[in-house]
Amino acid sequence: MCRILGQRDGADLAYLGLTLREYVDRLHAIQAQLTQRFVYWAPIALGGDRERSWSKQGPFGEAKQRRVGRRLVSRTQGPGLIISLTQEPDDGVDSPTPRGLVTSFHTSAALDRVRELRDAAATDEESAQRMRQVQEAYEVRKEAYLRLVVPIVLSRTLSTEQVRAARAWGPGVGKVPSSPQALRAEVSCGYQPRWVDVAVRIALEDLGENLPNPGWNSFTRARWHWQAVCEHWHSHHRAEK
């Protein structure tokens, strides 16, 4: 809440007699009492959730949920899987699909399986053209990510809070890079939204009021325009040099 509002050091929580960390910890404690954690997984399918037949385990504690998720994502045999770690309302509903707060990621074989399904689906020129457009759009986004985001993330030593927030979801969930080389390897392996989040927060901190658009002074708005914000960060730093 404080980050979105742009306030620092938890000053707006002083009337509660709490630091920002204490406030967040208490919210997490309440959340743990009201939710349950499950692990879902399903074979990759182009049709999205409607075409998936989910398997499910849980409820688990947080540590056990992460262990089960890592064990599934490390599979090298069998079809590609999508794995979802959920934090669901403790309302007695035995949901057949992921719900609540969902963190999703894939096994290493998932992308190969997606390509196989897409190739099989592209039976005419129109379908093939759509597939090419999707792939081209991804390549453009990946190029912008490598050119703009990666240098910003690697421009400084990340704080523990930044690393913890980045590893809270996406590929490599729960993994802490053990060296600058490991961080570079993890950040550079294709477009990853979580590292875009980190880069946007760094850019907002460095640029202050010097934004390409004054209306982008909150993280949510700046995140929507991440390429323009990151481009401006690079221009600003080149000018400083």
C-alpha atoms as a PDB file:
ATOM      1  CA  MET A   1       0.000   0.000   0.000  1.00  0.00           C
ATOM      2  CA  CYS A   2       2.795   2.395   0.918  1.00  0.00           C
ATOM      3  CA  ARG A   3       4.691   1.640  -2.284  1.00  0.00           C
ATOM      4  CA  ILE A   4       1.628   2.319  -4.439  1.00  0.00           C
ATOM      5  CA  LEU A   5       0.958   5.580  -2.615  1.00  0.00           C
ATOM      6  CA  GLY A   6       4.585   6.572  -3.036  1.00  0.00           C
ATOM      7  CA  GLN A   7       5.169   7.052   0.701  1.00  0.00           C
ATOM      8  CA  ARG A   8       8.387   6.062   2.461  1.00  0.00           C
ATOM      9  CA  ASP A   9       9.434   4.491   5.773  1.00  0.00           C
ATOM     10  CA  GLY A  10       5.872   3.682   6.792  1.00  0.00           C
ATOM     11  CA  ALA A  11       5.326   7.256   8.004  1.00  0.00           C
ATOM     12  CA  ASP A  12       1.605   7.057   7.285  1.00  0.00           C
ATOM     13  CA  LEU A  13       1.364   4.088   9.703  1.00  0.00           C
ATOM     14  CA  ALA A  14       2.870   5.985  12.633  1.00  0.00           C
ATOM     15  CA  TYR A  15      -0.562   6.507  14.182  1.00  0.00           C
ATOM     16  CA  LEU A  16      -0.826   2.700  14.536  1.00  0.00           C
ATOM     17  CA  GLY A  17       2.489   2.450  16.362  1.00  0.00           C
ATOM     18  CA  LEU A  18       3.724   0.022  13.668  1.00  0.00           C
ATOM     19  CA  THR A  19       6.504  -0.034  11.144  1.00  0.00           C
ATOM     20  CA  LEU A  20       5.626  -0.980   7.578  1.00  0.00           C
ATOM     21  CA  ARG A  21       7.236  -4.411   8.086  1.00  0.00           C
ATOM     22  CA  GLU A  22       5.188  -5.059  11.252  1.00  0.00           C
ATOM     23  CA  TYR A  23       2.008  -3.969   9.475  1.00  0.00           C
ATOM     24  CA  VAL A  24       2.663  -6.311   6.535  1.00  0.00           C
ATOM     25  CA  ASP A  25       3.564  -9.209   8.856  1.00  0.00           C
ATOM     26  CA  ARG A  26       0.261  -8.815  10.711  1.00  0.00           C
ATOM     27  CA  LEU A  27      -1.685  -8.786   7.445  1.00  0.00           C
ATOM     28  CA  HIS A  28       0.101 -11.980   6.412  1.00  0.00           C
ATOM     29  CA  ALA A  29      -0.737 -13.593   9.759  1.00  0.00           C
ATOM     30  CA  ILE A  30      -4.419 -12.740   9.322  1.00  0.00           C
ATOM     31  CA  GLN A  31      -4.335 -13.973   5.724  1.00  0.00           C
ATOM     32  CA  ALA A  32      -2.864 -17.305   6.856  1.00  0.00           C
ATOM     33  CA  GLN A  33      -5.824 -17.782   9.232  1.00  0.00           C
ATOM     34  CA  LEU A  34      -8.399 -17.127   6.510  1.00  0.00           C
ATOM     35  CA  THR A  35      -6.895 -19.052   3.579  1.00  0.00           C
ATOM     36  CA  GLN A  36      -5.611 -22.478   2.611  1.00  0.00           C
ATOM     37  CA  ARG A  37      -2.750 -23.364   0.258  1.00  0.00           C
ATOM     38  CA  PHE A  38      -3.061 -25.919  -2.550  1.00  0.00           C
ATOM     39  CA  VAL A  39      -0.995 -27.103  -5.511  1.00  0.00           C
ATOM     40  CA  TYR A  40      -2.733 -27.697  -8.863  1.00  0.00           C
ATOM     41  CA  TRP A  41      -1.175 -29.059 -12.047  1.00  0.00           C
ATOM     42  CA  ALA A  42      -2.452 -29.914 -15.527  1.00  0.00           C
ATOM     43  CA  PRO A  43      -1.043 -30.847 -18.937  1.00  0.00           C
ATOM     44  CA  ILE A  44      -0.481 -27.955 -21.321  1.00  0.00           C
ATOM     45  CA  ALA A  45      -3.460 -27.253 -23.619  1.00  0.00           C
ATOM     46  CA  LEU A  46      -3.985 -24.440 -26.107  1.00  0.00           C
ATOM     47  CA  GLY A  47      -7.623 -24.020 -25.129  1.00  0.00           C
ATOM     48  CA  GLY A  48      -6.779 -22.570 -21.732  1.00  0.00           C
ATOM     49  CA  ASP A  49      -8.498 -23.573 -18.486  1.00  0.00           C
ATOM     50  CA  ARG A  50     -11.559 -24.996 -20.251  1.00  0.00           C
ATOM     51  CA  GLU A  51      -9.418 -27.675 -21.869  1.00  0.00           C
ATOM     52  CA  ARG A  52      -7.424 -28.544 -18.751  1.00  0.00           C
ATOM     53  CA  SER A  53      -8.069 -31.390 -16.372  1.00  0.00           C
ATOM     54  CA  TRP A  54      -6.494 -30.285 -13.095  1.00  0.00           C
ATOM     55  CA  SER A  55      -4.932 -32.502 -10.432  1.00  0.00           C
ATOM     56  CA  LYS A  56      -4.793 -31.097  -6.930  1.00  0.00           C
ATOM     57  CA  GLN A  57      -3.030 -31.633  -3.600  1.00  0.00           C
ATOM     58  CA  GLY A  58      -3.365 -29.899  -0.261  1.00  0.00           C
ATOM     59  CA  PRO A  59      -4.037 -28.051   1.895  1.00  0.00           C
ATOM     60  CA  PHE A  60      -0.374 -27.470   2.773  1.00  0.00           C
ATOM     61  CA  GLY A  61       1.681 -25.126   4.870  1.00  0.00           C
ATOM     62  CA  GLU A  62       3.631 -22.520   2.926  1.00  0.00           C
ATOM     63  CA  ALA A  63       6.940 -24.411   3.005  1.00  0.00           C
ATOM     64  CA  LYS A  64       5.367 -27.742   1.978  1.00  0.00           C
ATOM     65  CA  GLN A  65       3.435 -26.031  -0.836  1.00  0.00           C
ATOM     66  CA  ARG A  66       6.666 -24.592  -2.265  1.00  0.00           C
ATOM     67  CA  ARG A  67       8.446 -27.962  -1.987  1.00  0.00           C
ATOM     68  CA  VAL A  68       5.663 -29.726  -3.885  1.00  0.00           C
ATOM     69  CA  GLY A  69       5.625 -26.955  -6.513  1.00  0.00           C
ATOM     70  CA  ARG A  70       9.403 -27.130  -7.020  1.00  0.00           C
ATOM     71  CA  ARG A  71       9.246 -30.927  -7.306  1.00  0.00           C
ATOM     72  CA  LEU A  72       6.622 -30.659 -10.043  1.00  0.00           C
ATOM     73  CA  VAL A  73       8.401 -27.904 -11.973  1.00  0.00           C
ATOM     74  CA  SER A  74      11.673 -29.865 -11.939  1.00  0.00           C
ATOM     75  CA  ARG A  75      10.141 -32.797 -13.829  1.00  0.00           C
ATOM     76  CA  THR A  76      12.051 -33.619 -17.001  1.00  0.00           C
ATOM     77  CA  GLN A  77       9.932 -36.587 -18.109  1.00  0.00           C
ATOM     78  CA  GLY A  78       6.370 -36.678 -19.392  1.00  0.00           C
ATOM     79  CA  PRO A  79       4.248 -33.963 -20.993  1.00  0.00           C
ATOM     80  CA  GLY A  80       4.632 -30.277 -20.236  1.00  0.00           C
ATOM     81  CA  LEU A  81       2.708 -29.119 -17.186  1.00  0.00           C
ATOM     82  CA  ILE A  82       1.333 -25.870 -15.879  1.00  0.00           C
ATOM     83  CA  ILE A  83       1.608 -25.694 -12.090  1.00  0.00           C
ATOM     84  CA  SER A  84      -0.384 -23.306  -9.904  1.00  0.00           C
ATOM     85  CA  LEU A  85       0.241 -22.541  -6.240  1.00  0.00           C
ATOM     86  CA  THR A  86      -2.894 -21.048  -4.730  1.00  0.00           C
ATOM     87  CA  GLN A  87      -3.946 -19.291  -1.568  1.00  0.00           C
ATOM     88  CA  GLU A  88      -7.707 -19.831  -1.471  1.00  0.00           C
ATOM     89  CA  PRO A  89     -10.495 -18.698   0.852  1.00  0.00           C
ATOM     90  CA  ASP A  90     -10.995 -21.251   3.630  1.00  0.00           C
ATOM     91  CA  ASP A  91     -14.698 -21.581   2.808  1.00  0.00           C
ATOM     92  CA  GLY A  92     -15.050 -25.364   2.466  1.00  0.00           C
ATOM     93  CA  VAL A  93     -15.273 -25.298  -1.351  1.00  0.00           C
ATOM     94  CA  ASP A  94     -13.404 -28.143  -3.067  1.00  0.00           C
ATOM     95  CA  SER A  95     -12.596 -26.192  -6.226  1.00  0.00           C
ATOM     96  CA  PRO A  96     -11.662 -28.231  -9.331  1.00  0.00           C
ATOM     97  CA  THR A  97      -9.588 -25.314 -10.729  1.00  0.00           C
ATOM     98  CA  PRO A  98      -7.156 -22.795  -9.204  1.00  0.00           C
ATOM     99  CA  ARG A  99      -8.724 -19.789  -7.496  1.00  0.00           C
ATOM    100  CA  GLY A 100      -7.847 -17.050  -5.046  1.00  0.00           C
ATOM    101  CA  LEU A 101      -4.253 -15.780  -5.139  1.00  0.00           C
ATOM    102  CA  VAL A 102      -2.587 -17.855  -7.873  1.00  0.00           C
ATOM    103  CA  THR A 103       1.107 -18.209  -8.766  1.00  0.00           C
ATOM    104  CA  SER A 104       1.547 -20.161 -12.014  1.00  0.00           C
ATOM    105  CA  PHE A 105       4.600 -21.507 -13.770  1.00  0.00           C
ATOM    106  CA  HIS A 106       5.568 -24.331 -16.144  1.00  0.00           C
ATOM    107  CA  THR A 107       7.865 -27.326 -16.443  1.00  0.00           C
ATOM    108  CA  SER A 108      10.793 -27.094 -18.844  1.00  0.00           C
ATOM    109  CA  ALA A 109       8.944 -29.283 -21.372  1.00  0.00           C
ATOM    110  CA  ALA A 110       5.940 -26.951 -21.459  1.00  0.00           C
ATOM    111  CA  LEU A 111       7.178 -24.625 -24.228  1.00  0.00           C
ATOM    112  CA  ASP A 112       8.037 -27.589 -26.471  1.00  0.00           C
ATOM    113  CA  ARG A 113       4.538 -28.961 -25.880  1.00  0.00           C
ATOM    114  CA  VAL A 114       2.965 -25.589 -26.699  1.00  0.00           C
ATOM    115  CA  ARG A 115       4.900 -25.459 -29.974  1.00  0.00           C
ATOM    116  CA  GLU A 116       3.765 -28.984 -30.849  1.00  0.00           C
ATOM    117  CA  LEU A 117       0.129 -28.101 -30.211  1.00  0.00           C
ATOM    118  CA  ARG A 118       0.403 -24.857 -32.169  1.00  0.00           C
ATOM    119  CA  ASP A 119       1.994 -26.623 -35.130  1.00  0.00           C
ATOM    120  CA  ALA A 120      -0.798 -29.187 -35.104  1.00  0.00           C
ATOM    121  CA  ALA A 121      -3.441 -26.452 -34.881  1.00  0.00           C
ATOM    122  CA  ALA A 122      -1.984 -24.361 -37.718  1.00  0.00           C
ATOM    123  CA  THR A 123      -3.684 -26.352 -40.506  1.00  0.00           C
ATOM    124  CA  ASP A 124      -4.351 -23.426 -42.808  1.00  0.00           C
ATOM    125  CA  GLU A 125      -2.588 -20.240 -43.802  1.00  0.00           C
ATOM    126  CA  GLU A 126      -4.829 -18.008 -41.692  1.00  0.00           C
ATOM    127  CA  SER A 127      -4.055 -19.978 -38.514  1.00  0.00           C
ATOM    128  CA  ALA A 128      -0.373 -20.067 -39.365  1.00  0.00           C
ATOM    129  CA  GLN A 129      -0.377 -16.299 -39.904  1.00  0.00           C
ATOM    130  CA  ARG A 130      -1.962 -15.723 -36.490  1.00  0.00           C
ATOM    131  CA  MET A 131       0.650 -17.940 -34.873  1.00  0.00           C
ATOM    132  CA  ARG A 132       3.437 -16.024 -36.572  1.00  0.00           C
ATOM    133  CA  GLN A 133       1.990 -12.720 -35.395  1.00  0.00           C
ATOM    134  CA  VAL A 134       1.837 -13.978 -31.804  1.00  0.00           C
ATOM    135  CA  GLN A 135       5.425 -15.215 -32.009  1.00  0.00           C
ATOM    136  CA  GLU A 136       6.622 -11.966 -33.597  1.00  0.00           C
ATOM    137  CA  ALA A 137       4.906  -9.917 -30.883  1.00  0.00           C
ATOM    138  CA  TYR A 138       6.605 -12.024 -28.223  1.00  0.00           C
ATOM    139  CA  GLU A 139      10.003 -11.621 -29.873  1.00  0.00           C
ATOM    140  CA  VAL A 140       9.544  -7.827 -29.966  1.00  0.00           C
ATOM    141  CA  ARG A 141       8.626  -7.785 -26.282  1.00  0.00           C
ATOM    142  CA  LYS A 142      11.548 -10.094 -25.437  1.00  0.00           C
ATOM    143  CA  GLU A 143      13.982  -7.828 -27.324  1.00  0.00           C
ATOM    144  CA  ALA A 144      12.687  -4.766 -25.433  1.00  0.00           C
ATOM    145  CA  TYR A 145      12.987  -6.682 -22.151  1.00  0.00           C
ATOM    146  CA  LEU A 146      16.619  -7.690 -22.774  1.00  0.00           C
ATOM    147  CA  ARG A 147      17.568  -4.211 -24.005  1.00  0.00           C
ATOM    148  CA  LEU A 148      15.753  -2.132 -21.387  1.00  0.00           C
ATOM    149  CA  VAL A 149      14.929  -4.187 -18.308  1.00  0.00           C
ATOM    150  CA  VAL A 150      17.987  -6.403 -17.802  1.00  0.00           C
ATOM    151  CA  PRO A 151      20.505  -3.498 -17.627  1.00  0.00           C
ATOM    152  CA  ILE A 152      18.337  -1.685 -15.060  1.00  0.00           C
ATOM    153  CA  VAL A 153      18.008  -4.756 -12.822  1.00  0.00           C
ATOM    154  CA  LEU A 154      21.773  -5.359 -13.036  1.00  0.00           C
ATOM    155  CA  SER A 155      22.665  -1.683 -12.513  1.00  0.00           C
ATOM    156  CA  ARG A 156      22.941  -2.092  -8.734  1.00  0.00           C
ATOM    157  CA  THR A 157      22.956  -4.577  -5.890  1.00  0.00           C
ATOM    158  CA  LEU A 158      19.329  -5.473  -5.230  1.00  0.00           C
ATOM    159  CA  SER A 159      17.996  -5.219  -1.706  1.00  0.00           C
ATOM    160  CA  THR A 160      16.738  -8.300   0.113  1.00  0.00           C
ATOM    161  CA  GLU A 161      13.191  -6.939  -0.171  1.00  0.00           C
ATOM    162  CA  GLN A 162      13.509  -6.521  -3.970  1.00  0.00           C
ATOM    163  CA  VAL A 163      14.855 -10.046  -4.452  1.00  0.00           C
ATOM    164  CA  ARG A 164      12.191 -11.494  -2.151  1.00  0.00           C
ATOM    165  CA  ALA A 165       9.419  -9.695  -4.051  1.00  0.00           C
ATOM    166  CA  ALA A 166      10.782 -10.777  -7.457  1.00  0.00           C
ATOM    167  CA  ARG A 167      11.057 -14.419  -6.505  1.00  0.00           C
ATOM    168  CA  ALA A 168       7.532 -14.553  -5.074  1.00  0.00           C
ATOM    169  CA  TRP A 169       6.120 -15.741  -8.393  1.00  0.00           C
ATOM    170  CA  GLY A 170       7.072 -16.955 -11.865  1.00  0.00           C
ATOM    171  CA  PRO A 171       9.807 -19.368 -13.065  1.00  0.00           C
ATOM    172  CA  GLY A 172      12.413 -20.001 -10.393  1.00  0.00           C
ATOM    173  CA  VAL A 173       9.909 -19.316  -7.593  1.00  0.00           C
ATOM    174  CA  GLY A 174      11.614 -19.587  -4.215  1.00  0.00           C
ATOM    175  CA  LYS A 175      15.085 -19.436  -5.743  1.00  0.00           C
ATOM    176  CA  VAL A 176      17.577 -16.821  -4.510  1.00  0.00           C
ATOM    177  CA  PRO A 177      20.425 -16.013  -6.950  1.00  0.00           C
ATOM    178  CA  SER A 178      23.643 -16.789  -5.074  1.00  0.00           C
ATOM    179  CA  SER A 179      25.945 -14.483  -7.073  1.00  0.00           C
ATOM    180  CA  PRO A 180      25.874 -11.612  -9.601  1.00  0.00           C
ATOM    181  CA  GLN A 181      26.515 -14.189 -12.328  1.00  0.00           C
ATOM    182  CA  ALA A 182      23.557 -16.302 -11.168  1.00  0.00           C
ATOM    183  CA  LEU A 183      21.337 -13.211 -11.087  1.00  0.00           C
ATOM    184  CA  ARG A 184      22.426 -12.223 -14.605  1.00  0.00           C
ATOM    185  CA  ALA A 185      21.685 -15.750 -15.882  1.00  0.00           C
ATOM    186  CA  GLU A 186      18.248 -15.840 -14.239  1.00  0.00           C
ATOM    187  CA  VAL A 187      17.192 -12.344 -15.344  1.00  0.00           C
ATOM    188  CA  SER A 188      18.386 -12.860 -18.922  1.00  0.00           C
ATOM    189  CA  CYS A 189      16.602 -16.132 -19.721  1.00  0.00           C
ATOM    190  CA  GLY A 190      13.679 -14.665 -21.678  1.00  0.00           C
ATOM    191  CA  TYR A 191      10.912 -12.200 -20.872  1.00  0.00           C
ATOM    192  CA  GLN A 192       9.895 -12.405 -17.191  1.00  0.00           C
ATOM    193  CA  PRO A 193       7.216 -10.026 -15.858  1.00  0.00           C
ATOM    194  CA  ARG A 194       8.548 -10.181 -12.294  1.00  0.00           C
ATOM    195  CA  TRP A 195      11.850  -8.603 -13.317  1.00  0.00           C
ATOM    196  CA  VAL A 196       9.955  -5.948 -15.280  1.00  0.00           C
ATOM    197  CA  ASP A 197       8.279  -5.108 -11.947  1.00  0.00           C
ATOM    198  CA  VAL A 198      11.682  -4.697 -10.282  1.00  0.00           C
ATOM    199  CA  ALA A 199      13.036  -2.549 -13.143  1.00  0.00           C
ATOM    200  CA  VAL A 200       9.998  -0.237 -13.038  1.00  0.00           C
ATOM    201  CA  ARG A 201      10.373   0.250  -9.267  1.00  0.00           C
ATOM    202  CA  ILE A 202      14.086   1.065  -9.696  1.00  0.00           C
ATOM    203  CA  ALA A 203      13.279   3.512 -12.504  1.00  0.00           C
ATOM    204  CA  LEU A 204      10.625   5.269 -10.398  1.00  0.00           C
ATOM    205  CA  GLU A 205      13.072   5.558  -7.495  1.00  0.00           C
ATOM    206  CA  ASP A 206      15.873   6.945  -9.696  1.00  0.00           C
ATOM    207  CA  LEU A 207      13.780   9.298 -11.811  1.00  0.00           C
ATOM    208  CA  GLY A 208      11.723  10.845  -9.029  1.00  0.00           C
ATOM    209  CA  GLU A 209       9.626  13.582 -10.630  1.00  0.00           C
ATOM    210  CA  ASN A 210      11.532  13.334 -13.912  1.00  0.00           C
ATOM    211  CA  LEU A 211       9.061  11.007 -15.634  1.00  0.00           C
ATOM    212  CA  PRO A 212       8.051  10.953 -19.312  1.00  0.00           C
ATOM    213  CA  ASN A 213       4.478  11.572 -18.120  1.00  0.00           C
ATOM    214  CA  PRO A 214       3.636  13.094 -14.697  1.00  0.00           C
ATOM    215  CA  GLY A 215       0.599  10.813 -14.510  1.00  0.00           C
ATOM    216  CA  TRP A 216       2.827   7.756 -14.318  1.00  0.00           C
ATOM    217  CA  ASN A 217       4.078   8.496 -10.813  1.00  0.00           C
ATOM    218  CA  SER A 218       2.480   5.369  -9.305  1.00  0.00           C
ATOM    219  CA  PHE A 219       3.825   1.866  -9.841  1.00  0.00           C
ATOM    220  CA  THR A 220       0.581   0.600 -11.366  1.00  0.00           C
ATOM    221  CA  ARG A 221       0.495   3.301 -14.049  1.00  0.00           C
ATOM    222  CA  ALA A 222       4.234   3.145 -14.714  1.00  0.00           C
ATOM    223  CA  ARG A 223       4.013  -0.659 -15.075  1.00  0.00           C
ATOM    224  CA  TRP A 224       1.482  -0.286 -17.909  1.00  0.00           C
ATOM    225  CA  HIS A 225       4.022   1.909 -19.727  1.00  0.00           C
ATOM    226  CA  TRP A 226       7.147  -0.008 -18.715  1.00  0.00           C
ATOM    227  CA  GLN A 227       8.933   0.344 -22.059  1.00  0.00           C
ATOM    228  CA  ALA A 228       8.573   4.143 -22.136  1.00  0.00           C
ATOM    229  CA  VAL A 229       9.597   4.439 -18.467  1.00  0.00           C
ATOM    230  CA  CYS A 230      12.652   2.214 -18.944  1.00  0.00           C
ATOM    231  CA  GLU A 231      13.642   4.053 -22.143  1.00  0.00           C
ATOM    232  CA  HIS A 232      13.488   7.322 -20.197  1.00  0.00           C
ATOM    233  CA  TRP A 233      15.645   5.834 -17.428  1.00  0.00           C
ATOM    234  CA  HIS A 234      18.321   4.928 -19.984  1.00  0.00           C
ATOM    235  CA  SER A 235      18.174   8.382 -21.572  1.00  0.00           C
ATOM    236  CA  HIS A 236      18.458  10.019 -18.147  1.00  0.00           C
ATOM    237  CA  HIS A 237      21.518   7.943 -17.233  1.00  0.00           C
ATOM    238  CA  ARG A 238      23.209   8.570 -20.576  1.00  0.00           C
ATOM    239  CA  ALA A 239      22.686  12.299 -20.036  1.00  0.00           C
ATOM    240  CA  GLU A 240      24.229  12.096 -16.549  1.00  0.00           C
ATOM    241  CA  LYS A 241      27.333  10.437 -17.958  1.00  0.00           C
END
